[in-house]
All heavy atoms as atom14 arrays in JSON, in Angstrom:
{
  "sequence": "YNPALRNSNGTFLKDEWTSYSDVGATFSWLVLSLDDYFLIESQYI",
  "atom14_mask": [
    [1, 1, 1, 1, 1, 1, 1, 1, 1, 1, 1, 1, 0, 0],
    [1, 1, 1, 1, 1, 1, 1, 1, 0, 0, 0, 0, 0, 0],
    [1, 1, 1, 1, 1, 1, 1, 0, 0, 0, 0, 0, 0, 0],
    [1, 1, 1, 1, 1, 0, 0, 0, 0, 0, 0, 0, 0, 0],
    [1, 1, 1, 1, 1, 1, 1, 1, 0, 0, 0, 0, 0, 0],
    [1, 1, 1, 1, 1, 1, 1, 1, 1, 1, 1, 0, 0, 0],
    [1, 1, 1, 1, 1, 1, 1, 1, 0, 0, 0, 0, 0, 0],
    [1, 1, 1, 1, 1, 1, 0, 0, 0, 0, 0, 0, 0, 0],
    [1, 1, 1, 1, 1, 1, 1, 1, 0, 0, 0, 0, 0, 0],
    [1, 1, 1, 1, 0, 0, 0, 0, 0, 0, 0, 0, 0, 0],
    [1, 1, 1, 1, 1, 1, 1, 0, 0, 0, 0, 0, 0, 0],
    [1, 1, 1, 1, 1, 1, 1, 1, 1, 1, 1, 0, 0, 0],
    [1, 1, 1, 1, 1, 1, 1, 1, 0, 0, 0, 0, 0, 0],
    [1, 1, 1, 1, 1, 1, 1, 1, 1, 0, 0, 0, 0, 0],
    [1, 1, 1, 1, 1, 1, 1, 1, 0, 0, 0, 0, 0, 0],
    [1, 1, 1, 1, 1, 1, 1, 1, 1, 0, 0, 0, 0, 0],
    [1, 1, 1, 1, 1, 1, 1, 1, 1, 1, 1, 1, 1, 1],
    [1, 1, 1, 1, 1, 1, 1, 0, 0, 0, 0, 0, 0, 0],
    [1, 1, 1, 1, 1, 1, 0, 0, 0, 0, 0, 0, 0, 0],
    [1, 1, 1, 1, 1, 1, 1, 1, 1, 1, 1, 1, 0, 0],
    [1, 1, 1, 1, 1, 1, 0, 0, 0, 0, 0, 0, 0, 0],
    [1, 1, 1, 1, 1, 1, 1, 1, 0, 0, 0, 0, 0, 0],
    [1, 1, 1, 1, 1, 1, 1, 0, 0, 0, 0, 0, 0, 0],
    [1, 1, 1, 1, 0, 0, 0, 0, 0, 0, 0, 0, 0, 0],
    [1, 1, 1, 1, 1, 0, 0, 0, 0, 0, 0, 0, 0, 0],
    [1, 1, 1, 1, 1, 1, 1, 0, 0, 0, 0, 0, 0, 0],
    [1, 1, 1, 1, 1, 1, 1, 1, 1, 1, 1, 0, 0, 0],
    [1, 1, 1, 1, 1, 1, 0, 0, 0, 0, 0, 0, 0, 0],
    [1, 1, 1, 1, 1, 1, 1, 1, 1, 1, 1, 1, 1, 1],
    [1, 1, 1, 1, 1, 1, 1, 1, 0, 0, 0, 0, 0, 0],
    [1, 1, 1, 1, 1, 1, 1, 0, 0, 0, 0, 0, 0, 0],
    [1, 1, 1, 1, 1, 1, 1, 1, 0, 0, 0, 0, 0, 0],
    [1, 1, 1, 1, 1, 1, 0, 0, 0, 0, 0, 0, 0, 0],
    [1, 1, 1, 1, 1, 1, 1, 1, 0, 0, 0, 0, 0, 0],
    [1, 1, 1, 1, 1, 1, 1, 1, 0, 0, 0, 0, 0, 0],
    [1, 1, 1, 1, 1, 1, 1, 1, 0, 0, 0, 0, 0, 0],
    [1, 1, 1, 1, 1, 1, 1, 1, 1, 1, 1, 1, 0, 0],
    [1, 1, 1, 1, 1, 1, 1, 1, 1, 1, 1, 0, 0, 0],
    [1, 1, 1, 1, 1, 1, 1, 1, 0, 0, 0, 0, 0, 0],
    [1, 1, 1, 1, 1, 1, 1, 1, 0, 0, 0, 0, 0, 0],
    [1, 1, 1, 1, 1, 1, 1, 1, 1, 0, 0, 0, 0, 0],
    [1, 1, 1, 1, 1, 1, 0, 0, 0, 0, 0, 0, 0, 0],
    [1, 1, 1, 1, 1, 1, 1, 1, 1, 0, 0, 0, 0, 0],
    [1, 1, 1, 1, 1, 1, 1, 1, 1, 1, 1, 1, 0, 0],
    [1, 1, 1, 1, 1, 1, 1, 1, 0, 0, 0, 0, 0, 0]
  ],
  "atom14_positions": [
    [[-53.17, -74.01, -102.58], [-52.65, -72.76, -102.05], [-51.21, -72.49, -102.51], [-50.32, -73.28, -102.25], [-52.66, -72.78, -100.52], [-54.01, -73.12, -99.92], [-54.2, -74.31, -99.25], [-55.09, -72.24, -100.05], [-55.43, -74.64, -98.69], [-56.32, -72.56, -99.5], [-56.48, -73.75, -98.84], [-57.7, -74.08, -98.29], [0.0, 0.0, 0.0], [0.0, 0.0, 0.0]],
    [[-51.03, -71.36, -103.16], [-49.72, -70.96, -103.64], [-48.82, -70.62, -102.44], [-49.12, -69.69, -101.69], [-49.85, -69.76, -104.57], [-48.55, -69.34, -105.18], [-47.47, -69.68, -104.74], [-48.65, -68.57, -106.25], [0.0, 0.0, 0.0], [0.0, 0.0, 0.0], [0.0, 0.0, 0.0], [0.0, 0.0, 0.0], [0.0, 0.0, 0.0], [0.0, 0.0, 0.0]],
    [[-47.7, -71.33, -102.25], [-46.8, -71.04, -101.13], [-46.27, -69.62, -101.14], [-45.89, -69.1, -100.08], [-45.67, -72.05, -101.29], [-46.13, -73.04, -102.28], [-47.23, -72.45, -103.06], [0.0, 0.0, 0.0], [0.0, 0.0, 0.0], [0.0, 0.0, 0.0], [0.0, 0.0, 0.0], [0.0, 0.0, 0.0], [0.0, 0.0, 0.0], [0.0, 0.0, 0.0]],
    [[-46.22, -68.97, -102.26], [-45.73, -67.58, -102.34], [-46.64, -66.61, -101.59], [-46.24, -65.52, -101.28], [-45.59, -67.15, -103.79], [0.0, 0.0, 0.0], [0.0, 0.0, 0.0], [0.0, 0.0, 0.0], [0.0, 0.0, 0.0], [0.0, 0.0, 0.0], [0.0, 0.0, 0.0], [0.0, 0.0, 0.0], [0.0, 0.0, 0.0], [0.0, 0.0, 0.0]],
    [[-47.86, -67.07, -101.28], [-48.84, -66.24, -100.59], [-48.94, -66.57, -99.1], [-49.95, -66.34, -98.46], [-50.22, -66.35, -101.26], [-50.26, -65.92, -102.73], [-51.63, -66.19, -103.31], [-49.86, -64.47, -102.88], [0.0, 0.0, 0.0], [0.0, 0.0, 0.0], [0.0, 0.0, 0.0], [0.0, 0.0, 0.0], [0.0, 0.0, 0.0], [0.0, 0.0, 0.0]],
    [[-47.85, -67.14, -98.55], [-47.8, -67.44, -97.11], [-46.87, -66.43, -96.44], [-45.9, -65.96, -97.03], [-47.22, -68.85, -96.88], [-48.09, -69.95, -97.39], [-47.47, -71.3, -97.04], [-48.07, -72.37, -97.78], [-49.23, -72.92, -97.49], [-49.9, -72.49, -96.46], [-49.71, -73.89, -98.23], [0.0, 0.0, 0.0], [0.0, 0.0, 0.0], [0.0, 0.0, 0.0]],
    [[-47.16, -66.16, -95.16], [-46.25, -65.3, -94.4], [-45.1, -66.13, -93.84], [-45.02, -67.33, -94.09], [-47.0, -64.51, -93.31], [-47.55, -65.39, -92.2], [-47.18, -66.58, -92.03], [-48.47, -64.85, -91.42], [0.0, 0.0, 0.0], [0.0, 0.0, 0.0], [0.0, 0.0, 0.0], [0.0, 0.0, 0.0], [0.0, 0.0, 0.0], [0.0, 0.0, 0.0]],
    [[-44.23, -65.52, -93.06], [-43.05, -66.22, -92.53], [-43.41, -67.34, -91.58], [-42.61, -68.25, -91.35], [-42.11, -65.22, -91.86], [-42.78, -64.59, -90.79], [0.0, 0.0, 0.0], [0.0, 0.0, 0.0], [0.0, 0.0, 0.0], [0.0, 0.0, 0.0], [0.0, 0.0, 0.0], [0.0, 0.0, 0.0], [0.0, 0.0, 0.0], [0.0, 0.0, 0.0]],
    [[-44.63, -67.32, -91.04], [-45.1, -68.41, -90.14], [-45.8, -69.52, -90.92], [-46.26, -70.5, -90.33], [-46.07, -67.87, -89.09], [-45.4, -66.9, -88.17], [-44.23, -67.05, -87.82], [-46.15, -65.87, -87.74], [0.0, 0.0, 0.0], [0.0, 0.0, 0.0], [0.0, 0.0, 0.0], [0.0, 0.0, 0.0], [0.0, 0.0, 0.0], [0.0, 0.0, 0.0]],
    [[-45.93, -69.38, -92.25], [-46.58, -70.4, -93.08], [-48.07, -70.2, -93.22], [-48.74, -71.0, -93.87], [0.0, 0.0, 0.0], [0.0, 0.0, 0.0], [0.0, 0.0, 0.0], [0.0, 0.0, 0.0], [0.0, 0.0, 0.0], [0.0, 0.0, 0.0], [0.0, 0.0, 0.0], [0.0, 0.0, 0.0], [0.0, 0.0, 0.0], [0.0, 0.0, 0.0]],
    [[-48.62, -69.13, -92.67], [-50.05, -68.87, -92.77], [-50.38, -68.32, -94.16], [-49.73, -67.39, -94.65], [-50.47, -67.83, -91.72], [-50.13, -68.32, -90.44], [-51.97, -67.57, -91.77], [0.0, 0.0, 0.0], [0.0, 0.0, 0.0], [0.0, 0.0, 0.0], [0.0, 0.0, 0.0], [0.0, 0.0, 0.0], [0.0, 0.0, 0.0], [0.0, 0.0, 0.0]],
    [[-51.4, -68.92, -94.79], [-51.82, -68.46, -96.11], [-52.59, -67.18, -95.93], [-53.49, -67.05, -95.11], [-52.71, -69.55, -96.76], [-53.02, -69.26, -98.2], [-52.04, -69.42, -99.17], [-54.28, -68.87, -98.59], [-52.31, -69.16, -100.5], [-54.56, -68.62, -99.92], [-53.58, -68.75, -100.88], [0.0, 0.0, 0.0], [0.0, 0.0, 0.0], [0.0, 0.0, 0.0]],
    [[-52.25, -66.16, -96.73], [-52.75, -64.79, -96.49], [-53.95, -64.41, -97.35], [-54.63, -63.43, -97.04], [-51.61, -63.79, -96.72], [-50.39, -64.0, -95.81], [-49.27, -63.04, -96.21], [-50.78, -63.8, -94.35], [0.0, 0.0, 0.0], [0.0, 0.0, 0.0], [0.0, 0.0, 0.0], [0.0, 0.0, 0.0], [0.0, 0.0, 0.0], [0.0, 0.0, 0.0]],
    [[-54.23, -65.12, -98.41], [-55.31, -64.73, -99.32], [-56.65, -65.26, -98.82], [-56.72, -66.34, -98.24], [-55.02, -65.31, -100.71], [-55.99, -64.91, -101.77], [-55.61, -65.49, -103.14], [-56.69, -65.21, -104.13], [-56.49, -65.97, -105.36], [0.0, 0.0, 0.0], [0.0, 0.0, 0.0], [0.0, 0.0, 0.0], [0.0, 0.0, 0.0], [0.0, 0.0, 0.0]],
    [[-57.7, -64.48, -99.01], [-59.07, -64.93, -98.68], [-59.43, -66.04, -99.68], [-59.54, -65.78, -100.87], [-60.03, -63.75, -98.82], [-61.45, -64.1, -98.44], [-61.66, -64.99, -97.6], [-62.39, -63.47, -99.02], [0.0, 0.0, 0.0], [0.0, 0.0, 0.0], [0.0, 0.0, 0.0], [0.0, 0.0, 0.0], [0.0, 0.0, 0.0], [0.0, 0.0, 0.0]],
    [[-59.61, -67.26, -99.18], [-59.75, -68.42, -100.04], [-60.76, -69.39, -99.42], [-60.82, -69.54, -98.21], [-58.39, -69.07, -100.18], [-58.31, -70.26, -101.12], [-58.43, -69.88, -102.58], [-57.72, -68.93, -103.01], [-59.22, -70.51, -103.29], [0.0, 0.0, 0.0], [0.0, 0.0, 0.0], [0.0, 0.0, 0.0], [0.0, 0.0, 0.0], [0.0, 0.0, 0.0]],
    [[-61.49, -70.08, -100.27], [-62.42, -71.11, -99.75], [-61.64, -72.28, -99.2], [-60.53, -72.58, -99.65], [-63.43, -71.52, -100.83], [-62.85, -72.2, -102.04], [-62.45, -71.62, -103.21], [-62.65, -73.62, -102.21], [-61.99, -72.56, -104.07], [-62.09, -73.8, -103.5], [-62.85, -74.73, -101.42], [-61.76, -75.06, -103.99], [-62.52, -76.0, -101.89], [-62.0, -76.15, -103.18]],
    [[-62.23, -72.97, -98.26], [-61.55, -74.08, -97.57], [-62.41, -75.34, -97.44], [-61.97, -76.3, -96.84], [-61.1, -73.64, -96.16], [-62.25, -73.29, -95.42], [-60.12, -72.49, -96.23], [0.0, 0.0, 0.0], [0.0, 0.0, 0.0], [0.0, 0.0, 0.0], [0.0, 0.0, 0.0], [0.0, 0.0, 0.0], [0.0, 0.0, 0.0], [0.0, 0.0, 0.0]],
    [[-63.63, -75.32, -97.99], [-64.53, -76.44, -97.76], [-65.58, -76.5, -98.84], [-65.98, -75.51, -99.43], [-65.19, -76.26, -96.39], [-66.18, -77.23, -96.16], [0.0, 0.0, 0.0], [0.0, 0.0, 0.0], [0.0, 0.0, 0.0], [0.0, 0.0, 0.0], [0.0, 0.0, 0.0], [0.0, 0.0, 0.0], [0.0, 0.0, 0.0], [0.0, 0.0, 0.0]],
    [[-66.12, -77.7, -99.05], [-67.26, -77.93, -99.94], [-68.44, -77.06, -99.53], [-69.18, -76.54, -100.38], [-67.63, -79.41, -99.92], [-68.83, -79.82, -100.73], [-68.81, -79.72, -102.12], [-69.97, -80.33, -100.13], [-69.92, -80.1, -102.88], [-71.04, -80.72, -100.86], [-71.02, -80.61, -102.24], [-72.11, -81.01, -102.98], [0.0, 0.0, 0.0], [0.0, 0.0, 0.0]],
    [[-68.6, -76.85, -98.24], [-69.72, -76.03, -97.73], [-69.58, -74.56, -98.15], [-70.53, -73.8, -97.98], [-69.85, -76.18, -96.22], [-68.71, -75.67, -95.59], [0.0, 0.0, 0.0], [0.0, 0.0, 0.0], [0.0, 0.0, 0.0], [0.0, 0.0, 0.0], [0.0, 0.0, 0.0], [0.0, 0.0, 0.0], [0.0, 0.0, 0.0], [0.0, 0.0, 0.0]],
    [[-68.43, -74.17, -98.68], [-68.21, -72.79, -99.11], [-68.79, -72.52, -100.51], [-68.78, -71.35, -100.95], [-66.73, -72.45, -99.11], [-66.18, -72.32, -97.7], [-66.92, -72.06, -96.77], [-64.94, -72.5, -97.55], [0.0, 0.0, 0.0], [0.0, 0.0, 0.0], [0.0, 0.0, 0.0], [0.0, 0.0, 0.0], [0.0, 0.0, 0.0], [0.0, 0.0, 0.0]],
    [[-69.27, -73.54, -101.2], [-69.83, -73.32, -102.53], [-70.96, -72.29, -102.43], [-71.85, -72.4, -101.58], [-70.34, -74.64, -103.18], [-71.13, -74.37, -104.46], [-69.18, -75.58, -103.45], [0.0, 0.0, 0.0], [0.0, 0.0, 0.0], [0.0, 0.0, 0.0], [0.0, 0.0, 0.0], [0.0, 0.0, 0.0], [0.0, 0.0, 0.0], [0.0, 0.0, 0.0]],
    [[-70.9, -71.29, -103.3], [-71.9, -70.23, -103.28], [-71.45, -68.99, -102.51], [-72.05, -67.91, -102.67], [0.0, 0.0, 0.0], [0.0, 0.0, 0.0], [0.0, 0.0, 0.0], [0.0, 0.0, 0.0], [0.0, 0.0, 0.0], [0.0, 0.0, 0.0], [0.0, 0.0, 0.0], [0.0, 0.0, 0.0], [0.0, 0.0, 0.0], [0.0, 0.0, 0.0]],
    [[-70.41, -69.12, -101.71], [-69.9, -67.97, -100.94], [-68.9, -67.2, -101.79], [-68.4, -67.69, -102.8], [-69.23, -68.47, -99.66], [0.0, 0.0, 0.0], [0.0, 0.0, 0.0], [0.0, 0.0, 0.0], [0.0, 0.0, 0.0], [0.0, 0.0, 0.0], [0.0, 0.0, 0.0], [0.0, 0.0, 0.0], [0.0, 0.0, 0.0], [0.0, 0.0, 0.0]],
    [[-68.6, -65.97, -101.35], [-67.7, -65.08, -102.08], [-66.36, -65.0, -101.39], [-66.28, -64.83, -100.17], [-68.32, -63.67, -102.16], [-69.6, -63.77, -102.82], [-67.43, -62.73, -102.94], [0.0, 0.0, 0.0], [0.0, 0.0, 0.0], [0.0, 0.0, 0.0], [0.0, 0.0, 0.0], [0.0, 0.0, 0.0], [0.0, 0.0, 0.0], [0.0, 0.0, 0.0]],
    [[-65.3, -65.13, -102.19], [-63.92, -65.07, -101.72], [-63.14, -64.18, -102.7], [-63.14, -64.47, -103.89], [-63.29, -66.45, -101.61], [-64.02, -67.33, -100.67], [-65.08, -68.1, -101.12], [-63.72, -67.35, -99.33], [-65.81, -68.91, -100.27], [-64.45, -68.15, -98.45], [-65.48, -68.92, -98.91], [0.0, 0.0, 0.0], [0.0, 0.0, 0.0], [0.0, 0.0, 0.0]],
    [[-62.49, -63.17, -102.17], [-61.74, -62.22, -103.02], [-62.59, -61.76, -104.2], [-62.16, -61.74, -105.34], [-60.44, -62.87, -103.51], [-59.61, -63.23, -102.43], [0.0, 0.0, 0.0], [0.0, 0.0, 0.0], [0.0, 0.0, 0.0], [0.0, 0.0, 0.0], [0.0, 0.0, 0.0], [0.0, 0.0, 0.0], [0.0, 0.0, 0.0], [0.0, 0.0, 0.0]],
    [[-63.82, -61.4, -103.91], [-64.78, -60.85, -104.85], [-65.26, -61.84, -105.9], [-65.88, -61.45, -106.9], [-64.25, -59.58, -105.51], [-63.87, -58.54, -104.49], [-64.72, -57.75, -103.8], [-62.58, -58.21, -104.07], [-64.04, -56.95, -102.93], [-62.7, -57.22, -103.08], [-61.3, -58.66, -104.38], [-61.62, -56.66, -102.42], [-60.23, -58.11, -103.71], [-60.39, -57.12, -102.76]],
    [[-64.98, -63.13, -105.71], [-65.47, -64.15, -106.66], [-66.34, -65.16, -105.9], [-65.99, -65.57, -104.8], [-64.27, -64.89, -107.29], [-63.36, -64.05, -108.17], [-62.15, -64.86, -108.57], [-64.09, -63.54, -109.38], [0.0, 0.0, 0.0], [0.0, 0.0, 0.0], [0.0, 0.0, 0.0], [0.0, 0.0, 0.0], [0.0, 0.0, 0.0], [0.0, 0.0, 0.0]],
    [[-67.44, -65.54, -106.53], [-68.3, -66.55, -105.94], [-67.75, -67.93, -106.33], [-67.44, -68.18, -107.48], [-69.75, -66.4, -106.48], [-70.65, -67.52, -105.99], [-70.34, -65.04, -106.07], [0.0, 0.0, 0.0], [0.0, 0.0, 0.0], [0.0, 0.0, 0.0], [0.0, 0.0, 0.0], [0.0, 0.0, 0.0], [0.0, 0.0, 0.0], [0.0, 0.0, 0.0]],
    [[-67.63, -68.8, -105.33], [-67.18, -70.18, -105.58], [-68.37, -70.96, -106.18], [-69.35, -71.23, -105.51], [-66.71, -70.87, -104.29], [-66.35, -72.34, -104.43], [-65.2, -72.56, -105.41], [-66.04, -72.95, -103.07], [0.0, 0.0, 0.0], [0.0, 0.0, 0.0], [0.0, 0.0, 0.0], [0.0, 0.0, 0.0], [0.0, 0.0, 0.0], [0.0, 0.0, 0.0]],
    [[-68.23, -71.29, -107.45], [-69.29, -72.08, -108.12], [-69.05, -73.58, -107.85], [-67.94, -73.99, -107.53], [-69.28, -71.81, -109.63], [-68.14, -72.4, -110.22], [0.0, 0.0, 0.0], [0.0, 0.0, 0.0], [0.0, 0.0, 0.0], [0.0, 0.0, 0.0], [0.0, 0.0, 0.0], [0.0, 0.0, 0.0], [0.0, 0.0, 0.0], [0.0, 0.0, 0.0]],
    [[-70.09, -74.34, -108.07], [-69.98, -75.78, -107.93], [-68.97, -76.34, -108.95], [-68.16, -77.21, -108.62], [-71.35, -76.42, -108.11], [-71.46, -77.9, -107.73], [-71.07, -78.14, -106.29], [-72.91, -78.37, -107.98], [0.0, 0.0, 0.0], [0.0, 0.0, 0.0], [0.0, 0.0, 0.0], [0.0, 0.0, 0.0], [0.0, 0.0, 0.0], [0.0, 0.0, 0.0]],
    [[-68.99, -75.83, -110.16], [-68.03, -76.28, -111.18], [-66.58, -75.98, -110.78], [-65.71, -76.8, -110.96], [-68.33, -75.63, -112.54], [-69.57, -76.19, -113.19], [-70.02, -77.29, -112.82], [-70.11, -75.53, -114.11], [0.0, 0.0, 0.0], [0.0, 0.0, 0.0], [0.0, 0.0, 0.0], [0.0, 0.0, 0.0], [0.0, 0.0, 0.0], [0.0, 0.0, 0.0]],
    [[-66.37, -74.78, -110.2], [-65.01, -74.45, -109.75], [-64.59, -75.36, -108.61], [-63.43, -75.81, -108.56], [-64.93, -72.98, -109.29], [-65.03, -71.99, -110.47], [-64.79, -72.41, -111.62], [-65.38, -70.84, -110.21], [0.0, 0.0, 0.0], [0.0, 0.0, 0.0], [0.0, 0.0, 0.0], [0.0, 0.0, 0.0], [0.0, 0.0, 0.0], [0.0, 0.0, 0.0]],
    [[-65.5, -75.65, -107.7], [-65.19, -76.59, -106.61], [-64.84, -77.98, -107.2], [-63.84, -78.56, -106.82], [-66.36, -76.72, -105.61], [-66.07, -77.84, -104.64], [-65.28, -77.6, -103.52], [-66.46, -79.14, -104.92], [-64.93, -78.63, -102.68], [-66.11, -80.18, -104.08], [-65.35, -79.92, -102.97], [-64.98, -80.96, -102.14], [0.0, 0.0, 0.0], [0.0, 0.0, 0.0]],
    [[-65.71, -78.48, -108.07], [-65.47, -79.81, -108.66], [-64.11, -79.89, -109.39], [-63.46, -80.91, -109.36], [-66.58, -80.19, -109.62], [-67.87, -80.61, -108.95], [-69.08, -80.45, -109.61], [-67.89, -81.17, -107.69], [-70.26, -80.83, -109.0], [-69.07, -81.56, -107.08], [-70.28, -81.38, -107.74], [0.0, 0.0, 0.0], [0.0, 0.0, 0.0], [0.0, 0.0, 0.0]],
    [[-63.71, -78.81, -110.04], [-62.43, -78.82, -110.73], [-61.27, -79.05, -109.74], [-60.41, -79.89, -109.99], [-62.22, -77.47, -111.45], [-60.86, -77.29, -112.12], [-60.67, -78.24, -113.28], [-60.69, -75.84, -112.58], [0.0, 0.0, 0.0], [0.0, 0.0, 0.0], [0.0, 0.0, 0.0], [0.0, 0.0, 0.0], [0.0, 0.0, 0.0], [0.0, 0.0, 0.0]],
    [[-61.27, -78.31, -108.65], [-60.21, -78.49, -107.64], [-60.31, -79.85, -106.98], [-59.28, -80.54, -106.81], [-60.26, -77.36, -106.59], [-60.06, -76.0, -107.25], [-59.25, -77.6, -105.49], [-58.73, -75.78, -107.92], [0.0, 0.0, 0.0], [0.0, 0.0, 0.0], [0.0, 0.0, 0.0], [0.0, 0.0, 0.0], [0.0, 0.0, 0.0], [0.0, 0.0, 0.0]],
    [[-61.5, -80.28, -106.62], [-61.68, -81.58, -106.01], [-61.1, -82.68, -106.95], [-60.39, -83.57, -106.48], [-63.16, -81.84, -105.75], [-63.46, -83.16, -105.12], [-64.95, -83.42, -104.96], [-65.6, -83.69, -105.98], [-65.45, -83.34, -103.82], [0.0, 0.0, 0.0], [0.0, 0.0, 0.0], [0.0, 0.0, 0.0], [0.0, 0.0, 0.0], [0.0, 0.0, 0.0]],
    [[-61.38, -82.58, -108.22], [-60.88, -83.56, -109.21], [-59.36, -83.53, -109.28], [-58.73, -84.58, -109.45], [-61.47, -83.31, -110.58], [-62.85, -83.54, -110.57], [0.0, 0.0, 0.0], [0.0, 0.0, 0.0], [0.0, 0.0, 0.0], [0.0, 0.0, 0.0], [0.0, 0.0, 0.0], [0.0, 0.0, 0.0], [0.0, 0.0, 0.0], [0.0, 0.0, 0.0]],
    [[-58.75, -82.36, -109.14], [-57.3, -82.25, -109.17], [-56.7, -83.01, -107.96], [-55.68, -83.71, -108.1], [-56.82, -80.81, -109.17], [-57.13, -80.1, -110.47], [-56.82, -78.62, -110.4], [-56.85, -78.0, -109.34], [-56.54, -78.02, -111.55], [0.0, 0.0, 0.0], [0.0, 0.0, 0.0], [0.0, 0.0, 0.0], [0.0, 0.0, 0.0], [0.0, 0.0, 0.0]],
    [[-57.3, -82.86, -106.79], [-56.79, -83.56, -105.6], [-56.93, -85.07, -105.81], [-55.97, -85.82, -105.53], [-57.61, -83.16, -104.39], [-57.14, -81.89, -103.7], [-57.17, -80.66, -104.33], [-56.65, -81.95, -102.39], [-56.78, -79.5, -103.69], [-56.24, -80.78, -101.73], [-56.29, -79.57, -102.4], [-55.85, -78.44, -101.75], [0.0, 0.0, 0.0], [0.0, 0.0, 0.0]],
    [[-58.06, -85.5, -106.3], [-58.3, -86.95, -106.5], [-57.32, -87.48, -107.56], [-56.73, -88.57, -107.38], [-59.75, -87.2, -106.87], [-60.65, -86.89, -105.64], [-59.96, -88.65, -107.33], [-62.12, -86.76, -105.95], [0.0, 0.0, 0.0], [0.0, 0.0, 0.0], [0.0, 0.0, 0.0], [0.0, 0.0, 0.0], [0.0, 0.0, 0.0], [0.0, 0.0, 0.0]]
  ]
}
C-alpha cells in the first residue's frame, strides 16, 4: 500500500485487495489474477 494514498488517520483510501481469497475479484476495475497475487506474495516473502 502506497502511503501517499492514506488519509490523515492513516486509512488507505484506494479500493484494493487484502487477502488470498480475493483472487478473481475486481478492485478498481481490475480483476486480481492468481499471477498478480503470487507476485505480491513473493515480494513479501
